[in-house]
């Protein structure tokens, strides 16, 4: 029988209250073969932990290291210039008191060190977000920011800002052979497939600009199939997450209480997305083979990020890991199902 092209994995950002060891113990007990810790889980008392210590922590539990989630620091880096207080939860309190330019520089240096650590660990794919390089007006998704006027063009200014602010980070990633896998997401540097392809274009096709596929953020008109077919050659990472849209409730509202919102993240089996079809699409666009080639592995991770406004986080995530393990880690077809007809 053909080998499974996927293995079950789990994202660490939502489980930040756990140490790396605690997170891996939880992941293993849930049935995961690998894990994708957050950058925070790799921090020690003074900077990052040594690569040797991190490797030993994974090896002692027989777990695969499936990338490092660094969504927060890269989002901070490309958002700090706006002066938004929304970056404060993701940076040290003393850094949060600095000027936007100083925060941006701190984030840049932090990312250099994280990429150096990733390279030492043999991790070549970093799932992340680019921040609001185009400004909050444009990130709102409403035409306020799309009109050009006397002395301003927010789209053109944002393009120039993105290229300039990310240049050193992209250069360092390319030097180390690292792919920065942006999770196309509302309120980030690329909110749809066309936005992401625009970033690639203005950066002259930069190789390090990759995509972390996550279908749960396709809830405003662009289906997950349309999105990931458009960026297919750039998909180097994949989260697996589900959602539902509650009818007759505005998708955009000024209420941060998840239970009241129209779009709800849910456990994997009960959402609107057919997870089987999503896993098949990832094969179709070449994600597993691309990941395995870059990382030197025999299978690619489906990284669970199951969340719920109503169910306990650990329960929901463990349920998601088991779902992936039991239902999505199947042997991939080696050819057409018609190949044996008439033999």
C-alpha atoms as a PDB file:
ATOM      1  CA  UNK A   1       0.000   0.000   0.000  1.00  0.00           C
ATOM      2  CA  UNK A   2       1.170   3.542  -0.765  1.00  0.00           C
ATOM      3  CA  UNK A   3       2.569   5.574   2.114  1.00  0.00           C
ATOM      4  CA  UNK A   4       0.471   8.225   3.834  1.00  0.00           C
ATOM      5  CA  UNK A   5       1.356  11.669   2.501  1.00  0.00           C
ATOM      6  CA  UNK A   6       0.174  13.406   5.702  1.00  0.00           C
ATOM      7  CA  UNK A   7       0.710  13.152   9.431  1.00  0.00           C
ATOM      8  CA  UNK A   8      -1.272  14.764  12.222  1.00  0.00           C
ATOM      9  CA  UNK A   9       0.248  17.825  13.876  1.00  0.00           C
ATOM     10  CA  UNK A  10      -0.802  20.746  16.073  1.00  0.00           C
ATOM     11  CA  UNK A  11      -0.155  24.499  16.259  1.00  0.00           C
ATOM     12  CA  UNK A  12       1.242  25.883  19.498  1.00  0.00           C
ATOM     13  CA  UNK A  13       0.214  29.550  19.527  1.00  0.00           C
ATOM     14  CA  UNK A  14      -3.175  28.916  21.151  1.00  0.00           C
ATOM     15  CA  UNK A  15      -1.495  26.765  23.807  1.00  0.00           C
ATOM     16  CA  UNK A  16       0.963  29.397  24.965  1.00  0.00           C
ATOM     17  CA  UNK A  17       0.180  28.796  28.638  1.00  0.00           C
ATOM     18  CA  UNK A  18       2.064  25.506  28.279  1.00  0.00           C
ATOM     19  CA  UNK A  19       5.835  25.172  28.220  1.00  0.00           C
ATOM     20  CA  UNK A  20       7.391  23.442  25.222  1.00  0.00           C
ATOM     21  CA  UNK A  21       7.642  20.173  27.158  1.00  0.00           C
ATOM     22  CA  UNK A  22       4.047  20.432  28.381  1.00  0.00           C
ATOM     23  CA  UNK A  23       2.834  21.244  24.882  1.00  0.00           C
ATOM     24  CA  UNK A  24       4.599  18.235  23.364  1.00  0.00           C
ATOM     25  CA  UNK A  25       3.282  15.932  26.088  1.00  0.00           C
ATOM     26  CA  UNK A  26      -0.238  17.199  25.366  1.00  0.00           C
ATOM     27  CA  UNK A  27       0.249  16.829  21.603  1.00  0.00           C
ATOM     28  CA  UNK A  28       1.558  13.278  21.924  1.00  0.00           C
ATOM     29  CA  UNK A  29      -1.238  12.262  24.298  1.00  0.00           C
ATOM     30  CA  UNK A  30      -3.723  13.656  21.760  1.00  0.00           C
ATOM     31  CA  UNK A  31      -2.301  11.405  19.046  1.00  0.00           C
ATOM     32  CA  UNK A  32      -0.188  13.886  17.067  1.00  0.00           C
ATOM     33  CA  UNK A  33       2.928  12.706  15.258  1.00  0.00           C
ATOM     34  CA  UNK A  34       4.424  16.196  15.211  1.00  0.00           C
ATOM     35  CA  UNK A  35       3.978  19.714  16.522  1.00  0.00           C
ATOM     36  CA  UNK A  36       4.488  23.298  15.431  1.00  0.00           C
ATOM     37  CA  UNK A  37       5.494  25.266  18.538  1.00  0.00           C
ATOM     38  CA  UNK A  38       5.143  29.028  18.698  1.00  0.00           C
ATOM     39  CA  UNK A  39       8.209  31.240  18.884  1.00  0.00           C
ATOM     40  CA  UNK A  40       7.329  31.972  22.526  1.00  0.00           C
ATOM     41  CA  UNK A  41       7.650  28.293  23.463  1.00  0.00           C
ATOM     42  CA  UNK A  42      11.259  28.363  22.272  1.00  0.00           C
ATOM     43  CA  UNK A  43      12.241  31.283  24.494  1.00  0.00           C
ATOM     44  CA  UNK A  44      14.358  30.821  27.605  1.00  0.00           C
ATOM     45  CA  UNK A  45      15.179  33.199  30.423  1.00  0.00           C
ATOM     46  CA  UNK A  46      17.717  35.003  28.246  1.00  0.00           C
ATOM     47  CA  UNK A  47      16.778  34.846  24.589  1.00  0.00           C
ATOM     48  CA  UNK A  48      15.986  31.644  22.743  1.00  0.00           C
ATOM     49  CA  UNK A  49      16.737  28.177  24.040  1.00  0.00           C
ATOM     50  CA  UNK A  50      19.660  26.318  22.501  1.00  0.00           C
ATOM     51  CA  UNK A  51      18.878  24.237  19.441  1.00  0.00           C
ATOM     52  CA  UNK A  52      20.289  21.157  21.183  1.00  0.00           C
ATOM     53  CA  UNK A  53      17.812  21.509  24.067  1.00  0.00           C
ATOM     54  CA  UNK A  54      14.866  21.971  21.691  1.00  0.00           C
ATOM     55  CA  UNK A  55      15.880  18.954  19.595  1.00  0.00           C
ATOM     56  CA  UNK A  56      16.261  16.779  22.677  1.00  0.00           C
ATOM     57  CA  UNK A  57      12.824  17.830  23.937  1.00  0.00           C
ATOM     58  CA  UNK A  58      11.250  16.685  20.667  1.00  0.00           C
ATOM     59  CA  UNK A  59      13.359  13.544  20.314  1.00  0.00           C
ATOM     60  CA  UNK A  60      12.678  12.374  23.868  1.00  0.00           C
ATOM     61  CA  UNK A  61       8.977  12.295  23.010  1.00  0.00           C
ATOM     62  CA  UNK A  62       9.365  10.874  19.506  1.00  0.00           C
ATOM     63  CA  UNK A  63       7.755  13.974  17.986  1.00  0.00           C
ATOM     64  CA  UNK A  64       8.449  15.681  14.662  1.00  0.00           C
ATOM     65  CA  UNK A  65       9.276  19.390  14.610  1.00  0.00           C
ATOM     66  CA  UNK A  66       6.845  20.679  11.968  1.00  0.00           C
ATOM     67  CA  UNK A  67       7.938  24.290  11.640  1.00  0.00           C
ATOM     68  CA  UNK A  68       7.750  27.215  14.058  1.00  0.00           C
ATOM     69  CA  UNK A  69       4.700  29.450  14.295  1.00  0.00           C
ATOM     70  CA  UNK A  70       5.928  33.059  14.260  1.00  0.00           C
ATOM     71  CA  UNK A  71       2.723  34.858  13.319  1.00  0.00           C
ATOM     72  CA  UNK A  72       2.917  37.387  16.126  1.00  0.00           C
ATOM     73  CA  UNK A  73       6.424  38.901  15.767  1.00  0.00           C
ATOM     74  CA  UNK A  74       6.243  39.326  12.003  1.00  0.00           C
ATOM     75  CA  UNK A  75       2.784  40.898  12.291  1.00  0.00           C
ATOM     76  CA  UNK A  76       4.216  43.268  14.913  1.00  0.00           C
ATOM     77  CA  UNK A  77       7.128  44.142  12.624  1.00  0.00           C
ATOM     78  CA  UNK A  78       4.948  45.259   9.719  1.00  0.00           C
ATOM     79  CA  UNK A  79       2.298  46.896  11.920  1.00  0.00           C
ATOM     80  CA  UNK A  80       4.401  48.857  14.435  1.00  0.00           C
ATOM     81  CA  UNK A  81       4.700  51.881  12.117  1.00  0.00           C
ATOM     82  CA  UNK A  82       0.956  52.542  12.572  1.00  0.00           C
ATOM     83  CA  UNK A  83       1.384  53.136  16.306  1.00  0.00           C
ATOM     84  CA  UNK A  84      -1.449  50.700  17.026  1.00  0.00           C
ATOM     85  CA  UNK A  85      -1.706  49.451  20.633  1.00  0.00           C
ATOM     86  CA  UNK A  86      -2.915  46.109  19.227  1.00  0.00           C
ATOM     87  CA  UNK A  87       0.698  44.917  18.998  1.00  0.00           C
ATOM     88  CA  UNK A  88       1.275  45.172  22.760  1.00  0.00           C
ATOM     89  CA  UNK A  89       0.077  41.675  23.729  1.00  0.00           C
ATOM     90  CA  UNK A  90       2.787  40.160  21.537  1.00  0.00           C
ATOM     91  CA  UNK A  91       5.892  42.020  22.741  1.00  0.00           C
ATOM     92  CA  UNK A  92       7.637  42.525  26.106  1.00  0.00           C
ATOM     93  CA  UNK A  93       6.175  45.300  28.246  1.00  0.00           C
ATOM     94  CA  UNK A  94       9.387  47.344  28.168  1.00  0.00           C
ATOM     95  CA  UNK A  95       9.553  47.126  24.362  1.00  0.00           C
ATOM     96  CA  UNK A  96       5.906  48.239  24.092  1.00  0.00           C
ATOM     97  CA  UNK A  97       6.894  51.597  25.642  1.00  0.00           C
ATOM     98  CA  UNK A  98       9.334  52.361  22.825  1.00  0.00           C
ATOM     99  CA  UNK A  99       8.645  54.378  19.670  1.00  0.00           C
ATOM    100  CA  UNK A 100       7.152  52.639  16.611  1.00  0.00           C
ATOM    101  CA  UNK A 101      10.519  52.774  14.848  1.00  0.00           C
ATOM    102  CA  UNK A 102      12.271  51.206  17.850  1.00  0.00           C
ATOM    103  CA  UNK A 103       9.637  48.476  18.139  1.00  0.00           C
ATOM    104  CA  UNK A 104      10.020  47.703  14.452  1.00  0.00           C
ATOM    105  CA  UNK A 105      13.787  47.421  14.831  1.00  0.00           C
ATOM    106  CA  UNK A 106      13.391  45.195  17.893  1.00  0.00           C
ATOM    107  CA  UNK A 107      11.034  42.911  15.951  1.00  0.00           C
ATOM    108  CA  UNK A 108      13.431  42.776  13.011  1.00  0.00           C
ATOM    109  CA  UNK A 109      16.331  41.721  15.245  1.00  0.00           C
ATOM    110  CA  UNK A 110      14.102  39.200  17.026  1.00  0.00           C
ATOM    111  CA  UNK A 111      13.155  37.652  13.681  1.00  0.00           C
ATOM    112  CA  UNK A 112      16.787  37.455  12.582  1.00  0.00           C
ATOM    113  CA  UNK A 113      17.590  35.441  15.726  1.00  0.00           C
ATOM    114  CA  UNK A 114      14.513  33.251  15.285  1.00  0.00           C
ATOM    115  CA  UNK A 115      15.434  32.465  11.685  1.00  0.00           C
ATOM    116  CA  UNK A 116      19.001  31.634  12.745  1.00  0.00           C
ATOM    117  CA  UNK A 117      17.604  29.222  15.344  1.00  0.00           C
ATOM    118  CA  UNK A 118      15.212  27.707  12.798  1.00  0.00           C
ATOM    119  CA  UNK A 119      18.087  27.081  10.396  1.00  0.00           C
ATOM    120  CA  UNK A 120      20.075  25.401  13.170  1.00  0.00           C
ATOM    121  CA  UNK A 121      17.060  23.191  13.882  1.00  0.00           C
ATOM    122  CA  UNK A 122      16.675  22.283  10.209  1.00  0.00           C
ATOM    123  CA  UNK A 123      13.360  24.143   9.956  1.00  0.00           C
ATOM    124  CA  UNK A 124      12.959  25.781   6.558  1.00  0.00           C
ATOM    125  CA  UNK A 125       9.275  26.776   6.693  1.00  0.00           C
ATOM    126  CA  UNK A 126       7.922  29.419   9.081  1.00  0.00           C
ATOM    127  CA  UNK A 127       4.129  29.970   9.093  1.00  0.00           C
ATOM    128  CA  UNK A 128       3.410  33.622   9.807  1.00  0.00           C
ATOM    129  CA  UNK A 129       1.442  36.814   9.057  1.00  0.00           C
ATOM    130  CA  UNK A 130       2.677  39.961   7.361  1.00  0.00           C
ATOM    131  CA  UNK A 131       1.291  42.975   9.211  1.00  0.00           C
ATOM    132  CA  UNK A 132      -0.771  45.922   7.978  1.00  0.00           C
ATOM    133  CA  UNK A 133       1.900  47.452   5.767  1.00  0.00           C
ATOM    134  CA  UNK A 134      -0.810  49.199   3.746  1.00  0.00           C
ATOM    135  CA  UNK A 135      -2.382  50.891   6.771  1.00  0.00           C
ATOM    136  CA  UNK A 136      -5.575  50.282   8.700  1.00  0.00           C
ATOM    137  CA  UNK A 137      -7.751  52.093   6.148  1.00  0.00           C
ATOM    138  CA  UNK A 138      -6.807  49.581   3.483  1.00  0.00           C
ATOM    139  CA  UNK A 139      -6.803  46.655   5.948  1.00  0.00           C
ATOM    140  CA  UNK A 140     -10.436  47.437   6.787  1.00  0.00           C
ATOM    141  CA  UNK A 141     -11.349  46.019   3.397  1.00  0.00           C
ATOM    142  CA  UNK A 142     -13.652  48.957   2.737  1.00  0.00           C
ATOM    143  CA  UNK A 143     -12.979  51.506  -0.040  1.00  0.00           C
ATOM    144  CA  UNK A 144     -12.001  54.316   2.369  1.00  0.00           C
ATOM    145  CA  UNK A 145      -8.382  53.443   1.746  1.00  0.00           C
ATOM    146  CA  UNK A 146      -8.576  52.528  -1.898  1.00  0.00           C
ATOM    147  CA  UNK A 147      -9.259  55.984  -3.298  1.00  0.00           C
ATOM    148  CA  UNK A 148      -6.272  58.081  -4.245  1.00  0.00           C
ATOM    149  CA  UNK A 149      -6.570  61.813  -3.648  1.00  0.00           C
ATOM    150  CA  UNK A 150      -4.574  65.054  -3.563  1.00  0.00           C
ATOM    151  CA  UNK A 151      -1.116  64.042  -2.386  1.00  0.00           C
ATOM    152  CA  UNK A 152      -1.871  60.435  -1.425  1.00  0.00           C
ATOM    153  CA  UNK A 153      -2.231  56.959  -2.880  1.00  0.00           C
ATOM    154  CA  UNK A 154      -2.458  54.466  -0.025  1.00  0.00           C
ATOM    155  CA  UNK A 155      -2.042  51.401  -2.216  1.00  0.00           C
ATOM    156  CA  UNK A 156       1.107  52.675  -3.925  1.00  0.00           C
ATOM    157  CA  UNK A 157       2.505  53.943  -0.602  1.00  0.00           C
ATOM    158  CA  UNK A 158       1.766  50.546   0.979  1.00  0.00           C
ATOM    159  CA  UNK A 159       3.540  48.701  -1.790  1.00  0.00           C
ATOM    160  CA  UNK A 160       6.646  50.837  -1.384  1.00  0.00           C
ATOM    161  CA  UNK A 161       6.449  50.470   2.406  1.00  0.00           C
ATOM    162  CA  UNK A 162       6.155  46.680   2.254  1.00  0.00           C
ATOM    163  CA  UNK A 163       9.109  46.274  -0.103  1.00  0.00           C
ATOM    164  CA  UNK A 164      11.312  48.564   1.974  1.00  0.00           C
ATOM    165  CA  UNK A 165      10.365  47.365   5.461  1.00  0.00           C
ATOM    166  CA  UNK A 166      10.622  43.660   4.658  1.00  0.00           C
ATOM    167  CA  UNK A 167      13.783  43.799   2.542  1.00  0.00           C
ATOM    168  CA  UNK A 168      16.257  42.787   5.277  1.00  0.00           C
ATOM    169  CA  UNK A 169      13.997  40.068   6.643  1.00  0.00           C
ATOM    170  CA  UNK A 170      13.462  38.586   3.193  1.00  0.00           C
ATOM    171  CA  UNK A 171      17.173  38.747   2.453  1.00  0.00           C
ATOM    172  CA  UNK A 172      17.987  36.908   5.691  1.00  0.00           C
ATOM    173  CA  UNK A 173      15.352  34.258   4.965  1.00  0.00           C
ATOM    174  CA  UNK A 174      16.748  33.698   1.476  1.00  0.00           C
ATOM    175  CA  UNK A 175      20.281  33.454   2.842  1.00  0.00           C
ATOM    176  CA  UNK A 176      19.145  30.629   5.136  1.00  0.00           C
ATOM    177  CA  UNK A 177      16.862  28.954   2.594  1.00  0.00           C
ATOM    178  CA  UNK A 178      13.783  29.733   4.699  1.00  0.00           C
ATOM    179  CA  UNK A 179      10.244  30.214   3.399  1.00  0.00           C
ATOM    180  CA  UNK A 180       8.094  32.810   5.182  1.00  0.00           C
ATOM    181  CA  UNK A 181       4.626  31.303   4.798  1.00  0.00           C
ATOM    182  CA  UNK A 182       2.016  34.049   5.072  1.00  0.00           C
ATOM    183  CA  UNK A 183      -1.410  32.999   6.305  1.00  0.00           C
ATOM    184  CA  UNK A 184      -3.770  34.919   4.036  1.00  0.00           C
ATOM    185  CA  UNK A 185      -6.069  36.502   6.565  1.00  0.00           C
ATOM    186  CA  UNK A 186      -8.304  39.544   7.142  1.00  0.00           C
ATOM    187  CA  UNK A 187      -6.437  42.545   8.545  1.00  0.00           C
ATOM    188  CA  UNK A 188      -2.951  41.484   7.436  1.00  0.00           C
ATOM    189  CA  UNK A 189      -0.563  42.368   4.613  1.00  0.00           C
ATOM    190  CA  UNK A 190      -2.485  40.132   2.190  1.00  0.00           C
ATOM    191  CA  UNK A 191      -6.186  39.433   2.760  1.00  0.00           C
ATOM    192  CA  UNK A 192      -6.922  37.392  -0.358  1.00  0.00           C
ATOM    193  CA  UNK A 193      -5.032  35.480  -3.040  1.00  0.00           C
ATOM    194  CA  UNK A 194      -4.763  38.487  -5.345  1.00  0.00           C
ATOM    195  CA  UNK A 195      -3.291  40.559  -2.502  1.00  0.00           C
ATOM    196  CA  UNK A 196      -0.632  37.911  -1.904  1.00  0.00           C
ATOM    197  CA  UNK A 197       0.243  37.601  -5.582  1.00  0.00           C
ATOM    198  CA  UNK A 198       0.598  41.380  -5.639  1.00  0.00           C
ATOM    199  CA  UNK A 199       3.196  41.157  -2.816  1.00  0.00           C
ATOM    200  CA  UNK A 200       5.122  38.594  -4.842  1.00  0.00           C
ATOM    201  CA  UNK A 201       4.996  40.860  -7.891  1.00  0.00           C
ATOM    202  CA  UNK A 202       6.233  44.020  -6.141  1.00  0.00           C
ATOM    203  CA  UNK A 203       9.061  41.996  -4.556  1.00  0.00           C
ATOM    204  CA  UNK A 204      10.171  40.740  -7.983  1.00  0.00           C
ATOM    205  CA  UNK A 205       9.064  37.166  -7.369  1.00  0.00           C
ATOM    206  CA  UNK A 206      11.019  36.764  -4.129  1.00  0.00           C
ATOM    207  CA  UNK A 207      11.373  33.028  -3.469  1.00  0.00           C
ATOM    208  CA  UNK A 208      10.897  33.291   0.299  1.00  0.00           C
ATOM    209  CA  UNK A 209       7.349  34.654  -0.043  1.00  0.00           C
ATOM    210  CA  UNK A 210       5.266  31.548   0.611  1.00  0.00           C
ATOM    211  CA  UNK A 211       1.744  30.726   1.798  1.00  0.00           C
ATOM    212  CA  UNK A 212       0.480  28.924   4.869  1.00  0.00           C
ATOM    213  CA  UNK A 213      -2.864  27.535   3.680  1.00  0.00           C
ATOM    214  CA  UNK A 214      -5.686  27.921   6.204  1.00  0.00           C
ATOM    215  CA  UNK A 215      -9.231  27.477   4.852  1.00  0.00           C
ATOM    216  CA  UNK A 216     -10.922  28.931   7.939  1.00  0.00           C
ATOM    217  CA  UNK A 217     -10.134  32.485   6.822  1.00  0.00           C
ATOM    218  CA  UNK A 218     -12.043  32.144   3.539  1.00  0.00           C
ATOM    219  CA  UNK A 219     -15.386  33.495   4.689  1.00  0.00           C
ATOM    220  CA  UNK A 220     -15.918  36.715   2.753  1.00  0.00           C
ATOM    221  CA  UNK A 221     -16.545  35.724  -0.835  1.00  0.00           C
ATOM    222  CA  UNK A 222     -13.343  33.906  -1.807  1.00  0.00           C
ATOM    223  CA  UNK A 223     -13.685  30.158  -1.342  1.00  0.00           C
ATOM    224  CA  UNK A 224     -10.752  28.159  -0.023  1.00  0.00           C
ATOM    225  CA  UNK A 225     -10.536  26.323  -3.340  1.00  0.00           C
ATOM    226  CA  UNK A 226     -10.371  29.551  -5.356  1.00  0.00           C
ATOM    227  CA  UNK A 227      -7.806  31.058  -2.977  1.00  0.00           C
ATOM    228  CA  UNK A 228      -5.347  28.200  -2.869  1.00  0.00           C
ATOM    229  CA  UNK A 229      -5.557  27.395  -6.561  1.00  0.00           C
ATOM    230  CA  UNK A 230      -4.535  31.007  -7.257  1.00  0.00           C
ATOM    231  CA  UNK A 231      -1.433  30.775  -5.056  1.00  0.00           C
ATOM    232  CA  UNK A 232      -0.799  27.058  -5.593  1.00  0.00           C
ATOM    233  CA  UNK A 233       2.971  27.117  -6.341  1.00  0.00           C
ATOM    234  CA  UNK A 234       3.611  29.157  -3.179  1.00  0.00           C
ATOM    235  CA  UNK A 235       1.863  26.887  -0.645  1.00  0.00           C
ATOM    236  CA  UNK A 236       4.584  25.434   1.600  1.00  0.00           C
ATOM    237  CA  UNK A 237       2.636  25.038   4.859  1.00  0.00           C
ATOM    238  CA  UNK A 238      -0.893  24.074   5.867  1.00  0.00           C
ATOM    239  CA  UNK A 239      -3.082  24.597   8.897  1.00  0.00           C
ATOM    240  CA  UNK A 240      -6.348  22.770   9.237  1.00  0.00           C
ATOM    241  CA  UNK A 241      -9.213  24.610  10.852  1.00  0.00           C
ATOM    242  CA  UNK A 242     -12.973  24.824  10.390  1.00  0.00           C
ATOM    243  CA  UNK A 243     -15.671  27.456  10.763  1.00  0.00           C
ATOM    244  CA  UNK A 244     -19.382  28.140  10.405  1.00  0.00           C
ATOM    245  CA  UNK A 245     -21.218  31.263   9.289  1.00  0.00           C
ATOM    246  CA  UNK A 246     -24.282  32.017  11.387  1.00  0.00           C
ATOM    247  CA  UNK A 247     -27.038  33.431   9.139  1.00  0.00           C
ATOM    248  CA  UNK A 248     -28.483  36.935   9.425  1.00  0.00           C
ATOM    249  CA  UNK A 249     -25.661  38.277  11.607  1.00  0.00           C
ATOM    250  CA  UNK A 250     -23.220  40.874  10.179  1.00  0.00           C
ATOM    251  CA  UNK A 251     -19.810  39.418   9.389  1.00  0.00           C
ATOM    252  CA  UNK A 252     -18.198  42.682  10.515  1.00  0.00           C
ATOM    253  CA  UNK A 253     -19.289  44.102  13.846  1.00  0.00           C
ATOM    254  CA  UNK A 254     -17.656  45.972  16.728  1.00  0.00           C
ATOM    255  CA  UNK A 255     -17.894  43.171  19.273  1.00  0.00           C
ATOM    256  CA  UNK A 256     -14.912  41.038  20.216  1.00  0.00           C
ATOM    257  CA  UNK A 257     -16.990  38.386  22.001  1.00  0.00           C
ATOM    258  CA  UNK A 258     -16.581  35.346  19.794  1.00  0.00           C
ATOM    259  CA  UNK A 259     -19.853  33.757  20.857  1.00  0.00           C
ATOM    260  CA  UNK A 260     -21.773  36.712  19.422  1.00  0.00           C
ATOM    261  CA  UNK A 261     -20.038  36.906  16.078  1.00  0.00           C
ATOM    262  CA  UNK A 262     -21.322  35.599  12.745  1.00  0.00           C
ATOM    263  CA  UNK A 263     -18.139  33.729  11.817  1.00  0.00           C
ATOM    264  CA  UNK A 264     -17.350  31.049  14.383  1.00  0.00           C
ATOM    265  CA  UNK A 265     -14.263  28.832  14.513  1.00  0.00           C
ATOM    266  CA  UNK A 266     -15.395  25.312  15.412  1.00  0.00           C
ATOM    267  CA  UNK A 267     -14.161  21.760  15.852  1.00  0.00           C
ATOM    268  CA  UNK A 268     -13.023  20.083  12.629  1.00  0.00           C
ATOM    269  CA  UNK A 269     -15.871  17.562  12.127  1.00  0.00           C
ATOM    270  CA  UNK A 270     -18.802  19.976  12.440  1.00  0.00           C
ATOM    271  CA  UNK A 271     -17.892  23.065  10.397  1.00  0.00           C
ATOM    272  CA  UNK A 272     -18.879  24.273   6.934  1.00  0.00           C
ATOM    273  CA  UNK A 273     -15.649  23.117   5.260  1.00  0.00           C
ATOM    274  CA  UNK A 274     -15.365  19.580   3.930  1.00  0.00           C
ATOM    275  CA  UNK A 275     -11.985  18.654   5.402  1.00  0.00           C
ATOM    276  CA  UNK A 276     -11.571  15.679   3.054  1.00  0.00           C
ATOM    277  CA  UNK A 277     -11.875  17.913   0.003  1.00  0.00           C
ATOM    278  CA  UNK A 278      -9.457  20.438   1.520  1.00  0.00           C
ATOM    279  CA  UNK A 279      -6.835  17.741   2.165  1.00  0.00           C
ATOM    280  CA  UNK A 280      -7.286  16.529  -1.419  1.00  0.00           C
ATOM    281  CA  UNK A 281      -6.894  20.045  -2.809  1.00  0.00           C
ATOM    282  CA  UNK A 282      -3.582  20.401  -0.962  1.00  0.00           C
ATOM    283  CA  UNK A 283      -2.338  17.300  -2.763  1.00  0.00           C
ATOM    284  CA  UNK A 284      -3.604  18.673  -6.066  1.00  0.00           C
ATOM    285  CA  UNK A 285      -1.643  21.921  -5.650  1.00  0.00           C
ATOM    286  CA  UNK A 286       1.509  20.077  -4.598  1.00  0.00           C
ATOM    287  CA  UNK A 287       1.743  21.002  -0.926  1.00  0.00           C
ATOM    288  CA  UNK A 288       2.809  17.595   0.505  1.00  0.00           C
ATOM    289  CA  UNK A 289       5.527  16.959  -2.090  1.00  0.00           C
ATOM    290  CA  UNK A 290       6.749  20.556  -1.807  1.00  0.00           C
ATOM    291  CA  UNK A 291       6.970  20.377   1.990  1.00  0.00           C
ATOM    292  CA  UNK A 292       8.702  16.984   1.965  1.00  0.00           C
ATOM    293  CA  UNK A 293      11.268  18.147  -0.572  1.00  0.00           C
ATOM    294  CA  UNK A 294      12.169  21.255   1.456  1.00  0.00           C
ATOM    295  CA  UNK A 295      12.103  19.618   4.886  1.00  0.00           C
ATOM    296  CA  UNK A 296      13.483  16.209   3.892  1.00  0.00           C
ATOM    297  CA  UNK A 297      10.548  14.319   5.413  1.00  0.00           C
ATOM    298  CA  UNK A 298       8.420  11.387   4.243  1.00  0.00           C
ATOM    299  CA  UNK A 299       5.085  13.054   5.014  1.00  0.00           C
ATOM    300  CA  UNK A 300       3.733  16.574   5.390  1.00  0.00           C
ATOM    301  CA  UNK A 301       1.915  17.867   8.464  1.00  0.00           C
ATOM    302  CA  UNK A 302      -1.726  18.848   8.611  1.00  0.00           C
ATOM    303  CA  UNK A 303      -1.350  21.271  11.504  1.00  0.00           C
ATOM    304  CA  UNK A 304      -4.482  21.389  13.641  1.00  0.00           C
ATOM    305  CA  UNK A 305      -5.592  24.797  14.895  1.00  0.00           C
ATOM    306  CA  UNK A 306      -9.115  23.884  16.007  1.00  0.00           C
ATOM    307  CA  UNK A 307     -10.796  26.526  18.185  1.00  0.00           C
ATOM    308  CA  UNK A 308     -14.270  27.064  19.586  1.00  0.00           C
ATOM    309  CA  UNK A 309     -16.083  29.803  21.459  1.00  0.00           C
ATOM    310  CA  UNK A 310     -18.044  27.161  23.351  1.00  0.00           C
ATOM    311  CA  UNK A 311     -15.793  24.127  23.823  1.00  0.00           C
ATOM    312  CA  UNK A 312     -12.664  23.828  25.946  1.00  0.00           C
ATOM    313  CA  UNK A 313      -9.532  24.580  23.913  1.00  0.00           C
ATOM    314  CA  UNK A 314      -7.585  21.457  24.894  1.00  0.00           C
ATOM    315  CA  UNK A 315     -10.619  19.294  24.181  1.00  0.00           C
ATOM    316  CA  UNK A 316     -11.231  20.936  20.807  1.00  0.00           C
ATOM    317  CA  UNK A 317      -7.604  20.683  19.716  1.00  0.00           C
ATOM    318  CA  UNK A 318      -7.243  17.060  20.832  1.00  0.00           C
ATOM    319  CA  UNK A 319     -10.446  16.215  18.974  1.00  0.00           C
ATOM    320  CA  UNK A 320      -8.977  17.874  15.879  1.00  0.00           C
ATOM    321  CA  UNK A 321      -5.714  15.949  16.114  1.00  0.00           C
ATOM    322  CA  UNK A 322      -7.618  12.678  16.386  1.00  0.00           C
ATOM    323  CA  UNK A 323      -9.822  13.655  13.437  1.00  0.00           C
ATOM    324  CA  UNK A 324      -6.813  14.316  11.219  1.00  0.00           C
ATOM    325  CA  UNK A 325      -5.077  11.130  12.342  1.00  0.00           C
ATOM    326  CA  UNK A 326      -8.143   8.937  11.823  1.00  0.00           C
ATOM    327  CA  UNK A 327      -9.704  10.518   8.724  1.00  0.00           C
ATOM    328  CA  UNK A 328      -7.145  12.535   6.727  1.00  0.00           C
ATOM    329  CA  UNK A 329      -3.921  10.530   6.909  1.00  0.00           C
ATOM    330  CA  UNK A 330      -4.688   8.159   4.075  1.00  0.00           C
ATOM    331  CA  UNK A 331      -2.448   6.718   1.338  1.00  0.00           C
ATOM    332  CA  UNK A 332      -2.385   9.059  -1.637  1.00  0.00           C
ATOM    333  CA  UNK A 333      -3.270   7.725  -5.074  1.00  0.00           C
ATOM    334  CA  UNK A 334      -0.219   6.790  -7.137  1.00  0.00           C
ATOM    335  CA  UNK A 335      -2.103   7.137 -10.416  1.00  0.00           C
ATOM    336  CA  UNK A 336      -5.571   7.245 -11.931  1.00  0.00           C
ATOM    337  CA  UNK A 337      -8.243   4.935 -10.525  1.00  0.00           C
ATOM    338  CA  UNK A 338      -8.873   3.929 -14.175  1.00  0.00           C
ATOM    339  CA  UNK A 339      -5.342   2.582 -14.704  1.00  0.00           C
ATOM    340  CA  UNK A 340      -6.322  -1.010 -13.989  1.00  0.00           C
ATOM    341  CA  UNK A 341      -9.459  -1.092 -16.117  1.00  0.00           C
ATOM    342  CA  UNK A 342      -9.483  -3.726 -18.820  1.00  0.00           C
ATOM    343  CA  UNK A 343      -6.301  -5.370 -17.592  1.00  0.00           C
END
